[in-house]
Amino acid sequence: MQRHQSGANTGINVLYSGTVAAAVEAAFFGVPAMAVSLELSTELDFHKAAQIARSCSKVSPRCRRCGSCLNVNIPALDCGWPRGVRVCPQGVVLMDEVYTRQVAAGGQTVYSLDGRMAALHGTADCDQAGIGERFVTVTPLRFDLTDHAIMERLSTWNWPEMPTTP
């Protein structure tokens, strides 16, 4: 089943999320941090989402020493209570994006970006799949995005000399 997952900060969306950025920044300074997002639905139950967030927040202080923050995503609650909690990696599934052209009230052309998650073949254990299966997902995130394996290989390449003057 394909789900829209707007509102959730899963997969690549963690790079664009101010919610996740604030938690990562806190973790950088050694403050236990947790980003919490609720998947959009027709009925947004922030009271229930807050109950879930409070339950999950009991473990976030344990991340202080590790420099990680927790990225918690709560599935849409209009279908009932989540099935449980799943600790899982960040997904790397691309979105099937669609741009919609509209004309605003002032006659200006406006483009809106929308999309749906592509099929999750071979990624059954990621955050995107967990939300789709109605689990609260918890993904530990770090602020160092360096690809150390590639960096080591790049350092052996013959890089051009830089000019001494512009």
Protein backbone atom coordinates (compact mmCIF):
# COMPACT_ATOMS: atom_id res chain seq x y z
CA MET A 1 0.00 0.00 0.00
CA GLN A 2 1.34 3.42 -0.92
CA ARG A 3 0.95 6.11 1.68
CA HIS A 4 1.38 9.84 1.34
CA GLN A 5 3.32 10.32 4.59
CA SER A 6 3.18 14.12 4.53
CA GLY A 7 3.93 15.43 7.95
CA ALA A 8 6.24 12.52 8.71
CA ASN A 9 9.97 13.21 8.63
CA THR A 10 11.10 9.90 7.22
CA GLY A 11 13.67 8.99 4.60
CA ILE A 12 15.25 11.85 2.67
CA ASN A 13 12.81 14.31 4.26
CA VAL A 14 15.00 14.48 7.36
CA LEU A 15 17.37 16.68 5.33
CA TYR A 16 14.65 19.31 4.80
CA SER A 17 13.06 19.19 8.22
CA GLY A 18 13.40 22.07 10.64
CA THR A 19 12.09 19.76 13.36
CA VAL A 20 14.93 17.29 12.78
CA ALA A 21 17.48 20.12 12.36
CA ALA A 22 16.62 21.49 15.81
CA ALA A 23 17.05 18.06 17.42
CA VAL A 24 20.35 17.46 15.60
CA GLU A 25 21.60 20.89 16.73
CA ALA A 26 20.71 20.07 20.33
CA ALA A 27 22.50 16.72 20.08
CA PHE A 28 25.56 18.51 18.71
CA PHE A 29 25.71 20.50 21.96
CA GLY A 30 25.14 17.42 24.13
CA VAL A 31 21.50 18.06 24.92
CA PRO A 32 19.24 14.98 24.81
CA ALA A 33 16.96 15.61 21.87
CA MET A 34 14.05 14.06 20.05
CA ALA A 35 12.29 15.23 16.88
CA VAL A 36 8.63 14.17 16.79
CA SER A 37 6.47 14.26 13.68
CA LEU A 38 2.90 13.15 13.04
CA GLU A 39 1.82 11.79 9.68
CA LEU A 40 -0.92 13.96 8.17
CA SER A 41 -4.44 12.63 7.98
CA THR A 42 -7.98 13.92 7.86
CA GLU A 43 -8.19 14.01 11.67
CA LEU A 44 -5.02 15.18 13.44
CA ASP A 45 -5.09 14.03 17.04
CA PHE A 46 -2.31 16.04 18.68
CA HIS A 47 -3.42 14.96 22.15
CA LYS A 48 -2.79 11.28 21.37
CA ALA A 49 0.41 12.17 19.52
CA ALA A 50 1.63 14.06 22.60
CA GLN A 51 0.95 11.00 24.77
CA ILE A 52 3.06 8.88 22.42
CA ALA A 53 5.82 11.52 22.32
CA ARG A 54 5.92 11.71 26.13
CA SER A 55 6.28 7.93 26.33
CA CYS A 56 9.14 7.95 23.82
CA SER A 57 10.84 10.92 25.50
CA LYS A 58 11.63 8.77 28.53
CA VAL A 59 14.50 7.16 26.59
CA SER A 60 15.93 10.27 24.87
CA PRO A 61 18.22 11.29 27.79
CA ARG A 62 20.19 8.10 27.16
CA CYS A 63 21.36 9.60 23.85
CA ARG A 64 23.26 12.46 25.56
CA ARG A 65 26.54 10.56 25.66
CA CYS A 66 26.29 9.17 22.14
CA GLY A 67 25.73 12.51 20.34
CA SER A 68 22.65 11.22 18.55
CA CYS A 69 19.11 12.48 18.53
CA LEU A 70 15.99 10.41 18.11
CA ASN A 71 13.75 10.96 15.10
CA VAL A 72 10.29 9.76 16.12
CA ASN A 73 7.51 9.48 13.56
CA ILE A 74 3.94 8.74 14.55
CA PRO A 75 1.59 7.21 11.97
CA ALA A 76 -1.76 8.84 11.21
CA LEU A 77 -3.96 8.27 14.24
CA ASP A 78 -7.36 8.44 12.52
CA CYS A 79 -7.04 4.68 11.84
CA GLY A 80 -6.52 3.87 15.51
CA TRP A 81 -3.65 3.50 17.93
CA PRO A 82 -0.24 2.51 16.48
CA ARG A 83 0.72 -1.18 16.46
CA GLY A 84 3.84 -0.55 18.53
CA VAL A 85 7.29 1.01 18.28
CA ARG A 86 9.88 0.01 15.70
CA VAL A 87 13.51 1.11 15.95
CA CYS A 88 14.72 1.25 12.37
CA PRO A 89 17.12 2.94 9.96
CA GLN A 90 16.32 5.96 7.85
CA GLY A 91 14.87 4.94 4.51
CA VAL A 92 16.39 5.97 1.21
CA VAL A 93 13.32 5.51 -0.97
CA LEU A 94 12.72 8.32 -3.45
CA MET A 95 9.38 10.06 -3.74
CA ASP A 96 7.25 9.98 -6.89
CA GLU A 97 6.97 13.77 -7.11
CA VAL A 98 4.32 15.68 -8.99
CA TYR A 99 4.22 19.42 -9.64
CA THR A 100 0.78 20.96 -9.94
CA ARG A 101 0.30 24.26 -11.78
CA GLN A 102 -2.27 26.64 -10.32
CA VAL A 103 -3.23 30.24 -10.90
CA ALA A 104 -3.40 32.30 -7.70
CA ALA A 105 -6.05 34.94 -6.98
CA GLY A 106 -3.78 37.70 -8.32
CA GLY A 107 -3.29 35.87 -11.61
CA GLN A 108 0.17 34.60 -10.69
CA THR A 109 1.18 31.10 -11.70
CA VAL A 110 2.06 28.98 -8.69
CA TYR A 111 3.54 25.48 -8.70
CA SER A 112 2.91 23.12 -5.81
CA LEU A 113 5.02 20.08 -5.11
CA ASP A 114 3.28 16.92 -4.00
CA GLY A 115 4.20 13.29 -4.12
CA ARG A 116 3.81 9.83 -2.85
CA MET A 117 6.35 7.40 -1.60
CA ALA A 118 7.49 4.92 -4.25
CA ALA A 119 7.16 1.20 -3.65
CA LEU A 120 9.31 -0.04 -0.77
CA HIS A 121 10.81 -3.10 -2.44
CA GLY A 122 13.72 -4.44 -0.38
CA THR A 123 13.41 -1.79 2.35
CA ALA A 124 10.96 -3.45 4.72
CA ASP A 125 12.88 -2.43 7.84
CA CYS A 126 13.17 1.35 7.19
CA ASP A 127 11.28 4.24 8.79
CA GLN A 128 9.07 4.76 5.75
CA ALA A 129 7.92 1.13 5.79
CA GLY A 130 7.34 1.23 9.55
CA ILE A 131 5.03 4.24 9.28
CA GLY A 132 3.22 2.54 6.39
CA GLU A 133 2.64 -0.47 8.64
CA ARG A 134 1.29 1.81 11.39
CA PHE A 135 4.26 1.64 13.75
CA VAL A 136 5.78 4.55 15.62
CA THR A 137 9.28 4.63 14.16
CA VAL A 138 12.38 5.65 16.09
CA THR A 139 15.56 6.36 14.13
CA PRO A 140 18.76 7.53 15.83
CA LEU A 141 20.38 10.30 13.78
CA ARG A 142 23.85 11.84 13.94
CA PHE A 143 24.96 15.18 12.56
CA ASP A 144 28.06 13.86 10.76
CA LEU A 145 26.96 13.00 7.21
CA THR A 146 30.51 12.33 6.02
CA ASP A 147 30.88 9.23 3.86
CA HIS A 148 34.14 8.05 5.40
CA ALA A 149 34.66 5.13 2.98
CA ILE A 150 34.43 7.42 -0.06
CA MET A 151 36.50 10.12 1.64
CA GLU A 152 39.37 7.66 2.10
CA ARG A 153 39.20 6.71 -1.59
CA LEU A 154 38.94 10.35 -2.72
CA SER A 155 42.07 11.25 -0.79
CA THR A 156 44.08 8.93 -3.06
CA TRP A 157 42.95 10.65 -6.29
CA ASN A 158 45.24 12.94 -8.22
CA TRP A 159 43.61 16.32 -7.60
CA PRO A 160 44.59 19.32 -9.76
CA GLU A 161 46.87 21.97 -8.37
CA MET A 162 45.06 25.16 -7.41
CA PRO A 163 46.30 28.40 -8.98
CA THR A 164 48.09 30.69 -6.52
CA THR A 165 46.30 33.78 -7.85
CA PRO A 166 42.72 34.20 -9.04
